[in-house]
Protein backbone atom coordinates (compact mmCIF):
# COMPACT_ATOMS: atom_id res chain seq x y z
CA MET A 1 0.03 0.00 -0.31
CA ARG A 2 1.22 3.35 -1.31
CA GLU A 3 1.61 6.30 1.62
CA PRO A 4 -1.70 8.14 1.85
CA THR A 5 -2.13 11.52 -0.71
CA THR A 6 -5.81 12.81 -0.11
CA PRO A 7 -7.66 12.84 2.73
CA GLU A 8 -9.75 9.81 1.96
CA GLU A 9 -6.75 7.76 1.87
CA VAL A 10 -5.72 9.28 4.87
CA LEU A 11 -8.75 7.92 6.67
CA ALA A 12 -8.68 4.81 5.46
CA ILE A 13 -5.36 4.37 7.06
CA HIS A 14 -6.21 5.72 10.35
CA LYS A 15 -9.17 3.15 10.49
CA LEU A 16 -6.95 0.34 9.60
CA LEU A 17 -4.32 2.07 12.46
CA ARG A 18 -7.37 1.40 15.00
CA SER A 19 -8.98 -2.14 13.44
CA ASP A 20 -5.59 -3.78 13.06
CA PRO A 21 -2.21 -2.39 14.09
CA GLN A 22 -0.14 -4.93 13.15
CA ARG A 23 -0.72 -4.88 9.19
CA TYR A 24 -0.85 -0.90 9.45
CA LEU A 25 3.03 -1.43 11.22
CA ARG A 26 3.22 -4.09 8.00
CA ILE A 27 2.55 -0.85 5.33
CA VAL A 28 4.66 1.39 7.55
CA ASN A 29 7.40 0.13 7.59
CA GLN A 30 7.50 -0.84 4.03
CA TRP A 31 7.40 3.25 3.72
CA ILE A 32 10.36 3.27 5.78
CA GLU A 33 12.15 0.36 4.01
CA THR A 34 11.49 2.38 1.07
CA ASP A 35 12.66 5.13 2.04
CA PRO A 36 14.35 5.37 5.42
CA ASP A 37 14.88 9.13 5.37
CA ASN A 38 11.06 9.33 5.44
CA SER A 39 9.85 10.99 8.29
CA GLN A 40 6.44 11.18 8.21
CA ALA A 41 6.14 7.44 7.90
CA TYR A 42 8.64 6.67 11.25
CA PHE A 43 6.07 9.66 13.10
CA ASP A 44 2.86 7.32 11.45
CA ARG A 45 4.62 4.34 12.66
CA HIS A 46 4.87 5.87 16.59
CA PHE A 47 0.95 5.53 16.51
CA ALA A 48 1.27 1.87 15.92
CA TRP A 49 3.60 1.23 18.41
CA MET A 50 1.82 3.34 21.09
CA LYS A 51 -1.19 1.66 19.92
CA ILE A 52 0.31 -2.02 20.57
CA GLY A 53 1.52 -0.93 24.14
CA GLU A 54 5.16 -0.36 23.07
CA PRO A 55 6.09 2.99 23.83
CA GLN A 56 9.85 2.84 24.01
CA ARG A 57 9.92 1.99 20.16
CA ALA A 58 7.30 5.05 19.80
CA LEU A 59 9.96 7.01 21.21
CA GLU A 60 12.86 5.62 19.14
CA ASP A 61 10.53 6.40 15.97
CA LEU A 62 10.12 10.03 17.49
CA ASN A 63 13.64 10.71 17.90
CA ARG A 64 14.24 9.75 14.10
CA VAL A 65 11.77 12.72 12.75
CA VAL A 66 13.04 14.68 15.41
CA GLU A 67 16.82 14.42 13.49
CA LEU A 68 14.86 14.05 10.48
CA ALA A 69 12.60 17.01 10.26
CA PRO A 70 11.86 18.69 13.60
CA GLU A 71 8.53 20.31 14.57
CA PRO A 72 6.31 21.66 16.93
CA VAL A 73 4.40 18.54 16.65
CA THR A 74 7.00 16.26 16.39
CA TYR A 75 7.79 17.45 20.06
CA ARG A 76 4.41 17.74 21.62
CA SER A 77 4.32 13.94 20.22
CA ARG A 78 7.05 12.92 22.36
CA GLY A 79 6.27 15.07 24.97
CA GLU A 80 3.10 12.98 25.40
CA VAL A 81 4.86 9.81 24.64
CA TYR A 82 7.22 10.52 27.66
CA ARG A 83 4.48 11.72 29.73
CA HIS A 84 2.56 8.10 29.19
CA LEU A 85 5.97 6.81 30.58
CA GLY A 86 6.20 9.40 33.54
CA ALA A 87 9.34 10.88 32.66
CA TYR A 88 7.24 14.34 33.30
CA ASP A 89 10.62 16.38 33.03
CA LYS A 90 11.31 15.36 30.00
CA ALA A 91 8.08 15.87 28.75
CA LEU A 92 7.96 19.35 30.06
CA GLU A 93 10.95 19.82 27.82
CA ASP A 94 9.69 18.74 24.98
CA PHE A 95 6.29 20.79 25.41
CA GLY A 96 8.61 23.55 25.80
CA ARG A 97 9.94 23.07 22.23
CA ALA A 98 6.76 23.16 20.65
CA GLU A 99 5.57 26.08 22.20
CA ALA A 100 8.32 27.62 21.41
CA LEU A 101 8.62 26.84 17.60
CA ASN A 102 5.09 28.08 17.16
CA PRO A 103 3.11 29.54 20.70
CA GLU A 104 0.06 30.78 18.37
CA LYS A 105 -0.82 26.97 17.55
CA TRP A 106 0.57 25.84 21.02
CA GLU A 107 -2.25 28.18 22.52
CA ASP A 108 -5.11 27.08 19.79
CA ASP A 109 -4.44 23.51 19.94
CA ALA A 110 -5.24 23.80 23.71
CA PHE A 111 -4.37 19.71 24.33
CA GLY A 112 -0.84 19.93 24.15
CA LEU A 113 -1.17 22.85 26.76
CA PHE A 114 -3.44 20.49 28.93
CA PHE A 115 -1.02 17.70 29.29
CA GLN A 116 1.97 20.56 30.36
CA ALA A 117 -0.76 21.52 32.55
CA ASP A 118 -1.06 17.85 33.88
CA CYS A 119 2.94 16.70 33.90
CA HIS A 120 3.60 20.30 36.33
CA ALA A 121 1.27 19.02 38.60
CA ARG A 122 2.38 15.41 38.88
CA LEU A 123 5.36 16.86 39.65
CA GLY A 124 4.06 18.78 42.53
CA ASP A 125 4.25 22.15 40.93
CA GLU A 126 0.32 23.29 41.87
CA GLY A 127 1.08 26.97 40.63
CA ARG A 128 2.54 26.07 37.08
CA ALA A 129 -0.11 23.26 36.59
CA LEU A 130 -2.71 26.26 37.26
CA ALA A 131 -1.04 28.85 35.27
CA CYS A 132 -1.08 26.17 32.15
CA CYS A 133 -4.91 25.10 33.18
CA ASN A 134 -5.50 29.55 32.84
CA ARG A 135 -4.47 29.86 30.01
CA LEU A 136 -6.69 26.90 28.24
CA PRO A 137 -9.72 28.58 26.13
CA ASP A 138 -12.62 29.36 28.67
CA ASP A 139 -14.95 26.89 26.62
CA PHE A 140 -11.92 23.88 26.96
CA TRP A 141 -13.90 20.45 27.92
CA THR A 142 -12.16 16.85 27.86
CA PRO A 143 -13.35 13.27 28.91
CA GLY A 144 -10.09 12.95 30.35
CA LEU A 145 -7.59 11.57 28.29
CA ASN A 146 -4.82 9.18 28.75
CA GLY A 147 -4.82 9.39 32.57
CA ALA A 148 -5.64 13.37 32.54
CA PRO A 149 -8.44 15.20 34.43
CA ALA A 150 -11.87 15.50 32.98
CA GLY A 151 -14.32 17.97 32.61
CA ASN A 152 -14.14 21.58 32.01
CA LYS A 153 -10.99 24.34 33.06
CA THR A 154 -12.34 24.54 36.08
CA GLN A 155 -13.08 20.96 37.38
CA ILE A 156 -9.53 20.13 35.39
CA GLY A 157 -7.84 22.95 38.02
CA GLU A 158 -9.37 21.46 40.81
CA GLN A 159 -7.86 17.92 40.19
CA LEU A 160 -4.58 19.51 38.95
CA SER A 161 -4.25 21.03 42.55
CA ARG A 162 -5.26 17.51 43.99
CA ILE A 163 -2.22 15.95 41.97
CA ALA A 164 -0.15 18.44 42.55
CA LYS A 165 -0.74 18.19 46.44
CA GLU A 166 -0.48 14.49 46.61
CA ALA A 167 2.94 14.66 44.21
CA GLN A 168 4.07 17.05 46.91
CA ARG A 169 2.74 14.59 49.72
CA GLY A 170 4.67 11.75 48.21
CA ARG A 171 7.88 13.23 48.63
CA THR A 172 8.11 14.14 52.00
């Protein structure tokens, strides 16, 4: 299967990722075999590694993308993998890189900022967690993706405070 070039083809390959991640992985591996410097293929493959529970391999692919074509989405995605692994300091470094490369998009996207707030809270830094939370759009709402707080901006802030306080207690 060739790399997708139309919105319909992109949708089809992502449906395949959800339904048959092993087949998706075989396809993306072929793209990489054909062009070992294809940063998009490595980026796409990291989704499969995460889907099948191989976050270290996802991290390796994202590291390769950073070498080939660093973009804000790459740093944000790598930050999310670090967050998944509990490496909150490294996640924050990458979230900071993504934000520095395109501050306007960082604010507009909001989910990077949301995960950034969660990392600060898990490190026990309530002030920075709430500062990030305050930057979220007023109408922000989430079901609580990937173990992060759920709810609206106010509810998220309350949960971030609890998480930060628990993290602080865990250190003493």
